[in-house]
Amino acid sequence: MRAPLAFLLGRLNFHEDFREFHASVQGAETLIAASPKSGKLPYTEVSFLTGADFVIHQLVIKGTDNSAIQYTFDAEKTNVPIPDLMFRFTPPAGVEYVDSSRQ
C-alpha cells in the first residue's frame, strides 16, 4: 500500500481526500482518525497519534479487508547529516557495470 508512505511524505491532502475527522486527547498525545471520501481506495480509515510537538508517534491504516497496518515511530531525528559515502554505488564483484552518464 502506498497510503502510509504518501501520508508520511505529506503527499495526501486531508481536506480533499478525507471526510469525518475525529480527534481525541490521550494524555499528552492526540489521536486523529479520518475516513477517505472515495470508496475506491484500499483503506477505510487512517489514524495517527501525535505529541504536543506535532511529531507522529503512530500511524494506523485500516484496509477494506479489515486488516490493519500499524507503524510506530520513536526517537525521530530531523536533518541528520549523512556522509556522501553512503550514496556511492559499488557494483558487486563479477557484475558488468555500464555507466550511461558518461556516454
N, C-alpha and C. Protein backbone atom coordinates (compact mmCIF):
# COMPACT_ATOMS: atom_id res chain seq x y z
N MET A 1 0.83 -1.20 0.00
CA MET A 1 0.00 0.00 0.00
C MET A 1 0.87 1.25 0.00
N ARG A 2 0.50 2.18 -0.82
CA ARG A 2 1.25 3.43 -0.89
C ARG A 2 0.74 4.47 0.09
N ALA A 3 -0.42 4.24 0.68
CA ALA A 3 -1.03 5.24 1.56
C ALA A 3 -0.15 5.63 2.74
N PRO A 4 0.44 4.69 3.46
CA PRO A 4 1.28 5.11 4.60
C PRO A 4 2.43 6.00 4.18
N LEU A 5 3.11 5.62 3.12
CA LEU A 5 4.24 6.41 2.66
C LEU A 5 3.78 7.78 2.17
N ALA A 6 2.70 7.82 1.43
CA ALA A 6 2.18 9.10 0.94
C ALA A 6 1.81 10.01 2.11
N PHE A 7 1.23 9.44 3.14
CA PHE A 7 0.87 10.24 4.29
C PHE A 7 2.11 10.80 4.98
N LEU A 8 3.10 9.95 5.22
CA LEU A 8 4.30 10.38 5.92
C LEU A 8 5.10 11.41 5.13
N LEU A 9 5.03 11.34 3.81
CA LEU A 9 5.75 12.30 2.97
C LEU A 9 4.95 13.57 2.73
N GLY A 10 3.75 13.63 3.26
CA GLY A 10 2.92 14.81 3.09
C GLY A 10 2.28 14.89 1.72
N ARG A 11 2.08 13.76 1.07
CA ARG A 11 1.51 13.74 -0.28
C ARG A 11 -0.02 13.69 -0.29
N LEU A 12 -0.63 13.51 0.87
CA LEU A 12 -2.08 13.47 0.93
C LEU A 12 -2.61 14.83 1.35
N ASN A 13 -3.73 15.22 0.79
CA ASN A 13 -4.39 16.45 1.18
C ASN A 13 -5.61 16.04 2.00
N PHE A 14 -5.52 16.20 3.30
CA PHE A 14 -6.59 15.70 4.16
C PHE A 14 -7.94 16.35 3.87
N HIS A 15 -7.95 17.61 3.53
CA HIS A 15 -9.23 18.27 3.28
C HIS A 15 -9.87 17.82 1.97
N GLU A 16 -9.07 17.43 1.00
CA GLU A 16 -9.62 16.97 -0.28
C GLU A 16 -9.86 15.47 -0.30
N ASP A 17 -9.02 14.69 0.38
CA ASP A 17 -9.06 13.23 0.29
C ASP A 17 -9.86 12.54 1.39
N PHE A 18 -10.12 13.24 2.50
CA PHE A 18 -10.75 12.60 3.64
C PHE A 18 -11.98 13.36 4.13
N ARG A 19 -12.83 12.64 4.87
CA ARG A 19 -14.02 13.22 5.50
C ARG A 19 -14.10 12.66 6.91
N GLU A 20 -15.03 13.12 7.67
CA GLU A 20 -15.27 12.61 9.02
C GLU A 20 -14.01 12.51 9.87
N PHE A 21 -13.45 13.65 10.22
CA PHE A 21 -12.28 13.69 11.09
C PHE A 21 -12.73 13.55 12.54
N HIS A 22 -12.01 12.73 13.28
CA HIS A 22 -12.28 12.56 14.71
C HIS A 22 -10.97 12.76 15.46
N ALA A 23 -11.00 13.51 16.54
CA ALA A 23 -9.81 13.72 17.36
C ALA A 23 -10.15 13.45 18.81
N SER A 24 -9.22 12.81 19.50
CA SER A 24 -9.39 12.59 20.94
C SER A 24 -8.04 12.74 21.61
N VAL A 25 -8.06 13.41 22.75
CA VAL A 25 -6.83 13.63 23.52
C VAL A 25 -6.60 12.44 24.42
N GLN A 26 -5.36 11.94 24.38
CA GLN A 26 -4.97 10.80 25.21
C GLN A 26 -3.72 11.20 25.98
N GLY A 27 -3.93 11.82 27.13
CA GLY A 27 -2.80 12.33 27.91
C GLY A 27 -2.17 13.50 27.18
N ALA A 28 -0.86 13.39 26.90
CA ALA A 28 -0.14 14.45 26.20
C ALA A 28 -0.19 14.27 24.69
N GLU A 29 -0.88 13.23 24.21
CA GLU A 29 -0.95 12.94 22.79
C GLU A 29 -2.37 13.10 22.26
N THR A 30 -2.48 13.27 20.95
CA THR A 30 -3.78 13.40 20.30
C THR A 30 -3.91 12.34 19.22
N LEU A 31 -5.03 11.62 19.23
CA LEU A 31 -5.33 10.62 18.22
C LEU A 31 -6.28 11.25 17.21
N ILE A 32 -5.89 11.24 15.94
CA ILE A 32 -6.71 11.80 14.88
C ILE A 32 -7.01 10.68 13.89
N ALA A 33 -8.29 10.51 13.56
CA ALA A 33 -8.71 9.48 12.60
C ALA A 33 -9.55 10.14 11.52
N ALA A 34 -9.41 9.64 10.30
CA ALA A 34 -10.15 10.19 9.17
C ALA A 34 -10.54 9.07 8.22
N SER A 35 -11.71 9.22 7.60
CA SER A 35 -12.19 8.26 6.60
C SER A 35 -12.04 8.89 5.22
N PRO A 36 -11.64 8.09 4.22
CA PRO A 36 -11.48 8.66 2.87
C PRO A 36 -12.83 9.01 2.24
N LYS A 37 -12.83 10.01 1.39
CA LYS A 37 -14.04 10.39 0.67
C LYS A 37 -14.40 9.36 -0.39
N SER A 38 -13.40 8.76 -1.00
CA SER A 38 -13.64 7.81 -2.09
C SER A 38 -13.69 6.37 -1.56
N GLY A 39 -14.65 5.62 -2.03
CA GLY A 39 -14.75 4.21 -1.67
C GLY A 39 -13.86 3.33 -2.53
N LYS A 40 -13.14 3.93 -3.46
CA LYS A 40 -12.28 3.18 -4.36
C LYS A 40 -10.88 2.94 -3.79
N LEU A 41 -10.59 3.53 -2.66
CA LEU A 41 -9.27 3.40 -2.06
C LEU A 41 -9.16 2.10 -1.28
N PRO A 42 -7.94 1.56 -1.11
CA PRO A 42 -7.77 0.26 -0.44
C PRO A 42 -7.80 0.35 1.09
N TYR A 43 -8.22 1.49 1.63
CA TYR A 43 -8.29 1.62 3.08
C TYR A 43 -9.58 2.34 3.48
N THR A 44 -10.02 2.09 4.70
CA THR A 44 -11.26 2.68 5.19
C THR A 44 -11.04 3.75 6.25
N GLU A 45 -9.82 3.78 6.81
CA GLU A 45 -9.52 4.78 7.83
C GLU A 45 -8.02 4.94 7.97
N VAL A 46 -7.60 6.16 8.22
CA VAL A 46 -6.22 6.47 8.55
C VAL A 46 -6.24 7.17 9.90
N SER A 47 -5.44 6.68 10.83
CA SER A 47 -5.37 7.35 12.12
C SER A 47 -3.92 7.51 12.52
N PHE A 48 -3.66 8.59 13.24
CA PHE A 48 -2.30 8.82 13.69
C PHE A 48 -2.31 9.46 15.07
N LEU A 49 -1.28 9.14 15.82
CA LEU A 49 -1.11 9.63 17.18
C LEU A 49 0.03 10.62 17.17
N THR A 50 -0.22 11.85 17.62
CA THR A 50 0.81 12.88 17.62
C THR A 50 1.04 13.38 19.02
N GLY A 51 2.25 13.89 19.24
CA GLY A 51 2.58 14.50 20.51
C GLY A 51 2.27 15.98 20.48
N ALA A 52 2.50 16.64 21.60
CA ALA A 52 2.25 18.08 21.70
C ALA A 52 3.14 18.86 20.73
N ASP A 53 4.27 18.27 20.33
CA ASP A 53 5.19 18.91 19.39
C ASP A 53 4.87 18.57 17.95
N PHE A 54 3.71 17.93 17.70
CA PHE A 54 3.21 17.57 16.36
C PHE A 54 4.03 16.47 15.69
N VAL A 55 4.84 15.77 16.43
CA VAL A 55 5.59 14.64 15.90
C VAL A 55 4.67 13.42 15.88
N ILE A 56 4.67 12.69 14.77
CA ILE A 56 3.83 11.50 14.65
C ILE A 56 4.49 10.34 15.39
N HIS A 57 3.76 9.74 16.32
CA HIS A 57 4.26 8.61 17.10
C HIS A 57 3.74 7.28 16.56
N GLN A 58 2.57 7.32 15.96
CA GLN A 58 1.98 6.09 15.45
C GLN A 58 1.07 6.40 14.27
N LEU A 59 1.08 5.49 13.28
CA LEU A 59 0.22 5.60 12.11
C LEU A 59 -0.45 4.25 11.90
N VAL A 60 -1.77 4.24 11.76
CA VAL A 60 -2.52 3.00 11.54
C VAL A 60 -3.39 3.19 10.30
N ILE A 61 -3.28 2.22 9.38
CA ILE A 61 -4.09 2.22 8.16
C ILE A 61 -5.00 1.01 8.23
N LYS A 62 -6.32 1.23 8.21
CA LYS A 62 -7.28 0.12 8.22
C LYS A 62 -7.71 -0.16 6.78
N GLY A 63 -7.50 -1.41 6.35
CA GLY A 63 -7.82 -1.80 4.99
C GLY A 63 -9.27 -2.16 4.80
N THR A 64 -9.69 -2.22 3.55
CA THR A 64 -11.07 -2.59 3.24
C THR A 64 -11.35 -4.05 3.57
N ASP A 65 -10.30 -4.84 3.73
CA ASP A 65 -10.45 -6.25 4.09
C ASP A 65 -10.35 -6.46 5.60
N ASN A 66 -10.52 -5.40 6.38
CA ASN A 66 -10.44 -5.41 7.85
C ASN A 66 -9.04 -5.64 8.38
N SER A 67 -8.03 -5.53 7.54
CA SER A 67 -6.65 -5.64 8.00
C SER A 67 -6.22 -4.29 8.57
N ALA A 68 -5.12 -4.29 9.30
CA ALA A 68 -4.58 -3.05 9.84
C ALA A 68 -3.07 -3.09 9.70
N ILE A 69 -2.52 -2.01 9.20
CA ILE A 69 -1.08 -1.84 9.14
C ILE A 69 -0.73 -0.76 10.14
N GLN A 70 0.15 -1.10 11.07
CA GLN A 70 0.49 -0.16 12.13
C GLN A 70 1.98 0.14 12.10
N TYR A 71 2.31 1.42 12.13
CA TYR A 71 3.69 1.87 12.20
C TYR A 71 3.86 2.65 13.50
N THR A 72 4.92 2.35 14.23
CA THR A 72 5.22 3.07 15.46
C THR A 72 6.58 3.74 15.29
N PHE A 73 6.67 4.99 15.68
CA PHE A 73 7.88 5.77 15.49
C PHE A 73 8.36 6.29 16.84
N ASP A 74 9.67 6.28 17.04
CA ASP A 74 10.24 6.90 18.23
C ASP A 74 11.65 7.39 17.90
N ALA A 75 12.15 8.26 18.70
CA ALA A 75 13.50 8.82 18.55
C ALA A 75 13.70 9.44 17.17
N GLU A 76 12.69 10.16 16.69
CA GLU A 76 12.80 10.81 15.38
C GLU A 76 13.91 11.85 15.40
N LYS A 77 14.68 11.85 14.34
CA LYS A 77 15.74 12.84 14.18
C LYS A 77 15.53 13.52 12.84
N THR A 78 15.62 14.82 12.81
CA THR A 78 15.44 15.55 11.56
C THR A 78 16.75 16.15 11.11
N ASN A 79 16.91 16.19 9.80
CA ASN A 79 18.08 16.81 9.16
C ASN A 79 19.41 16.27 9.69
N VAL A 80 19.47 14.97 9.84
CA VAL A 80 20.70 14.32 10.31
C VAL A 80 21.71 14.33 9.17
N PRO A 81 22.94 14.76 9.42
CA PRO A 81 23.93 14.73 8.35
C PRO A 81 24.27 13.29 7.95
N ILE A 82 24.33 13.06 6.66
CA ILE A 82 24.64 11.73 6.14
C ILE A 82 25.89 11.85 5.28
N PRO A 83 26.89 11.01 5.54
CA PRO A 83 28.13 11.10 4.74
C PRO A 83 27.88 10.75 3.27
N ASP A 84 28.58 11.45 2.38
CA ASP A 84 28.46 11.19 0.93
C ASP A 84 28.77 9.75 0.58
N LEU A 85 29.61 9.11 1.35
CA LEU A 85 30.00 7.73 1.09
C LEU A 85 28.79 6.79 1.06
N MET A 86 27.73 7.13 1.78
CA MET A 86 26.53 6.29 1.80
C MET A 86 25.79 6.30 0.46
N PHE A 87 26.11 7.27 -0.40
CA PHE A 87 25.42 7.41 -1.67
C PHE A 87 26.29 7.00 -2.86
N ARG A 88 27.37 6.32 -2.61
CA ARG A 88 28.25 5.84 -3.68
C ARG A 88 27.89 4.40 -4.01
N PHE A 89 27.70 4.17 -5.29
CA PHE A 89 27.34 2.82 -5.75
C PHE A 89 28.60 2.03 -6.06
N THR A 90 28.68 0.83 -5.51
CA THR A 90 29.78 -0.09 -5.82
C THR A 90 29.16 -1.37 -6.34
N PRO A 91 29.37 -1.67 -7.62
CA PRO A 91 28.75 -2.88 -8.17
C PRO A 91 29.36 -4.13 -7.53
N PRO A 92 28.57 -5.18 -7.39
CA PRO A 92 29.08 -6.43 -6.83
C PRO A 92 30.17 -7.03 -7.72
N ALA A 93 31.04 -7.82 -7.13
CA ALA A 93 32.12 -8.46 -7.87
C ALA A 93 31.54 -9.35 -8.97
N GLY A 94 32.14 -9.28 -10.15
CA GLY A 94 31.73 -10.14 -11.25
C GLY A 94 30.57 -9.59 -12.08
N VAL A 95 30.08 -8.41 -11.75
CA VAL A 95 28.95 -7.82 -12.47
C VAL A 95 29.47 -6.78 -13.45
N GLU A 96 29.01 -6.83 -14.68
CA GLU A 96 29.39 -5.83 -15.67
C GLU A 96 28.60 -4.55 -15.39
N TYR A 97 29.31 -3.46 -15.31
CA TYR A 97 28.69 -2.18 -14.99
C TYR A 97 28.92 -1.21 -16.15
N VAL A 98 27.85 -0.63 -16.67
CA VAL A 98 27.94 0.34 -17.75
C VAL A 98 27.43 1.67 -17.21
N ASP A 99 28.30 2.65 -17.19
CA ASP A 99 27.94 3.99 -16.70
C ASP A 99 27.38 4.79 -17.86
N SER A 100 26.07 4.84 -17.97
CA SER A 100 25.42 5.52 -19.11
C SER A 100 25.52 7.05 -19.01
N SER A 101 25.91 7.56 -17.87
CA SER A 101 26.03 9.03 -17.74
C SER A 101 27.30 9.53 -18.39
N ARG A 102 28.21 8.66 -18.76
CA ARG A 102 29.49 9.08 -19.35
C ARG A 102 29.53 8.87 -20.86
N GLN A 103 28.42 8.64 -21.48
CA GLN A 103 28.38 8.39 -22.93
C GLN A 103 28.01 9.63 -23.67
